[in-house]
Amino acid sequence: MPEISRFLGIIISMYYNEHTPPHFHAKYGEFRASFSINELKLIEGDLPKRIISLVLEWAFLHREELLEDWELVERKDELKKIEPLV
């Protein structure tokens, strides 16, 4: 599970054996969730509401980079790190 960013206790990652639609995973303590990159919405799992807001704020700022990493995942290339929110 390649980590692409980490901030405020939130770990953002993508997996190499992924399925469409383009998405990323967020982990916060015992909570885990997946977010759509194109629609910027929670598609699976559960996180505290404040953490969902932080993840979506970060994703909005880095949507293009997330899509670039998604293309790298599909090619099984090394992912690029993305700047944290803070």
C-alpha atoms as a PDB file:
ATOM      1  CA  MET A   1       0.000   0.000   0.000  1.00  0.00           C
ATOM      2  CA  PRO A   2       2.096   2.939  -1.210  1.00  0.00           C
ATOM      3  CA  GLU A   3       1.637   6.006   0.960  1.00  0.00           C
ATOM      4  CA  ILE A   4       1.354   9.206  -1.050  1.00  0.00           C
ATOM      5  CA  SER A   5       0.724  11.723   1.739  1.00  0.00           C
ATOM      6  CA  ARG A   6       0.435  12.020   5.513  1.00  0.00           C
ATOM      7  CA  PHE A   7      -0.950  14.885   7.592  1.00  0.00           C
ATOM      8  CA  LEU A   8      -2.695  15.381  10.932  1.00  0.00           C
ATOM      9  CA  GLY A   9      -2.652  11.643  11.613  1.00  0.00           C
ATOM     10  CA  ILE A  10      -4.260  10.877   8.230  1.00  0.00           C
ATOM     11  CA  ILE A  11      -2.491   8.500   5.847  1.00  0.00           C
ATOM     12  CA  ILE A  12      -3.383   8.724   2.146  1.00  0.00           C
ATOM     13  CA  SER A  13      -2.517   5.785  -0.105  1.00  0.00           C
ATOM     14  CA  MET A  14      -3.294   3.928  -3.318  1.00  0.00           C
ATOM     15  CA  TYR A  15      -3.009   0.208  -4.045  1.00  0.00           C
ATOM     16  CA  TYR A  16      -1.412  -1.276  -7.147  1.00  0.00           C
ATOM     17  CA  ASN A  17      -4.150  -3.858  -7.780  1.00  0.00           C
ATOM     18  CA  GLU A  18      -6.923  -1.262  -7.947  1.00  0.00           C
ATOM     19  CA  HIS A  19     -10.216  -1.119  -9.786  1.00  0.00           C
ATOM     20  CA  THR A  20     -12.034   1.799 -11.377  1.00  0.00           C
ATOM     21  CA  PRO A  21     -13.298   4.417 -10.706  1.00  0.00           C
ATOM     22  CA  PRO A  22     -10.103   6.313  -9.838  1.00  0.00           C
ATOM     23  CA  HIS A  23      -9.912   6.600  -6.062  1.00  0.00           C
ATOM     24  CA  PHE A  24      -7.606   6.777  -3.068  1.00  0.00           C
ATOM     25  CA  HIS A  25      -7.691   5.465   0.475  1.00  0.00           C
ATOM     26  CA  ALA A  26      -7.531   7.391   3.732  1.00  0.00           C
ATOM     27  CA  LYS A  27      -6.675   5.878   7.100  1.00  0.00           C
ATOM     28  CA  TYR A  28      -7.114   7.621  10.441  1.00  0.00           C
ATOM     29  CA  GLY A  29      -6.548   5.489  13.526  1.00  0.00           C
ATOM     30  CA  GLU A  30      -8.904   2.522  13.261  1.00  0.00           C
ATOM     31  CA  PHE A  31     -11.006   4.271  10.578  1.00  0.00           C
ATOM     32  CA  ARG A  32     -10.615   3.612   6.861  1.00  0.00           C
ATOM     33  CA  ALA A  33     -12.349   5.013   3.793  1.00  0.00           C
ATOM     34  CA  SER A  34     -12.079   5.335   0.013  1.00  0.00           C
ATOM     35  CA  PHE A  35     -12.688   8.543  -1.930  1.00  0.00           C
ATOM     36  CA  SER A  36     -13.480   9.105  -5.600  1.00  0.00           C
ATOM     37  CA  ILE A  37     -10.929  11.365  -7.280  1.00  0.00           C
ATOM     38  CA  ASN A  38     -13.205  12.625 -10.048  1.00  0.00           C
ATOM     39  CA  GLU A  39     -16.218  13.359  -7.863  1.00  0.00           C
ATOM     40  CA  LEU A  40     -14.316  14.069  -4.634  1.00  0.00           C
ATOM     41  CA  LYS A  41     -16.693  12.140  -2.439  1.00  0.00           C
ATOM     42  CA  LEU A  42     -16.602   9.312   0.069  1.00  0.00           C
ATOM     43  CA  ILE A  43     -17.396   6.054  -1.723  1.00  0.00           C
ATOM     44  CA  GLU A  44     -16.707   3.436   0.944  1.00  0.00           C
ATOM     45  CA  GLY A  45     -15.843   3.166   4.612  1.00  0.00           C
ATOM     46  CA  ASP A  46     -16.133   5.582   7.480  1.00  0.00           C
ATOM     47  CA  LEU A  47     -14.135   8.423   9.006  1.00  0.00           C
ATOM     48  CA  PRO A  48     -15.032  11.102  11.561  1.00  0.00           C
ATOM     49  CA  LYS A  49     -16.792  14.024   9.825  1.00  0.00           C
ATOM     50  CA  ARG A  50     -13.948  16.474  10.538  1.00  0.00           C
ATOM     51  CA  ILE A  51     -11.432  14.064   8.995  1.00  0.00           C
ATOM     52  CA  ILE A  52     -13.629  13.612   5.905  1.00  0.00           C
ATOM     53  CA  SER A  53     -13.639  17.402   5.505  1.00  0.00           C
ATOM     54  CA  LEU A  54      -9.842  17.570   5.801  1.00  0.00           C
ATOM     55  CA  VAL A  55      -9.335  14.739   3.310  1.00  0.00           C
ATOM     56  CA  LEU A  56     -11.689  16.340   0.789  1.00  0.00           C
ATOM     57  CA  GLU A  57     -10.046  19.757   1.232  1.00  0.00           C
ATOM     58  CA  TRP A  58      -6.650  18.164   0.578  1.00  0.00           C
ATOM     59  CA  ALA A  59      -7.960  16.188  -2.413  1.00  0.00           C
ATOM     60  CA  PHE A  60      -9.520  19.305  -3.956  1.00  0.00           C
ATOM     61  CA  LEU A  61      -6.123  21.027  -3.812  1.00  0.00           C
ATOM     62  CA  HIS A  62      -4.318  18.025  -5.312  1.00  0.00           C
ATOM     63  CA  ARG A  63      -6.829  16.464  -7.708  1.00  0.00           C
ATOM     64  CA  GLU A  64      -4.492  16.633 -10.732  1.00  0.00           C
ATOM     65  CA  GLU A  65      -1.660  15.010  -8.784  1.00  0.00           C
ATOM     66  CA  LEU A  66      -4.033  12.292  -7.579  1.00  0.00           C
ATOM     67  CA  LEU A  67      -5.057  11.568 -11.168  1.00  0.00           C
ATOM     68  CA  GLU A  68      -1.388  11.407 -12.171  1.00  0.00           C
ATOM     69  CA  ASP A  69      -0.734   8.911  -9.364  1.00  0.00           C
ATOM     70  CA  TRP A  70      -3.779   6.902 -10.487  1.00  0.00           C
ATOM     71  CA  GLU A  71      -2.210   6.602 -13.951  1.00  0.00           C
ATOM     72  CA  LEU A  72       1.021   5.439 -12.314  1.00  0.00           C
ATOM     73  CA  VAL A  73      -0.919   2.832 -10.303  1.00  0.00           C
ATOM     74  CA  GLU A  74      -2.456   1.479 -13.491  1.00  0.00           C
ATOM     75  CA  ARG A  75       1.037   1.160 -15.032  1.00  0.00           C
ATOM     76  CA  LYS A  76       2.432  -0.268 -11.774  1.00  0.00           C
ATOM     77  CA  ASP A  77       5.003   2.553 -11.645  1.00  0.00           C
ATOM     78  CA  GLU A  78       6.329   4.224  -8.518  1.00  0.00           C
ATOM     79  CA  LEU A  79       3.875   6.765  -7.113  1.00  0.00           C
ATOM     80  CA  LYS A  80       4.774  10.384  -6.473  1.00  0.00           C
ATOM     81  CA  LYS A  81       4.403  11.868  -2.992  1.00  0.00           C
ATOM     82  CA  ILE A  82       1.862  14.664  -2.655  1.00  0.00           C
ATOM     83  CA  GLU A  83       2.276  17.614  -0.288  1.00  0.00           C
ATOM     84  CA  PRO A  84       0.340  17.316   2.969  1.00  0.00           C
ATOM     85  CA  LEU A  85      -2.494  19.669   3.874  1.00  0.00           C
ATOM     86  CA  VAL A  86      -0.411  21.378   6.580  1.00  0.00           C
END
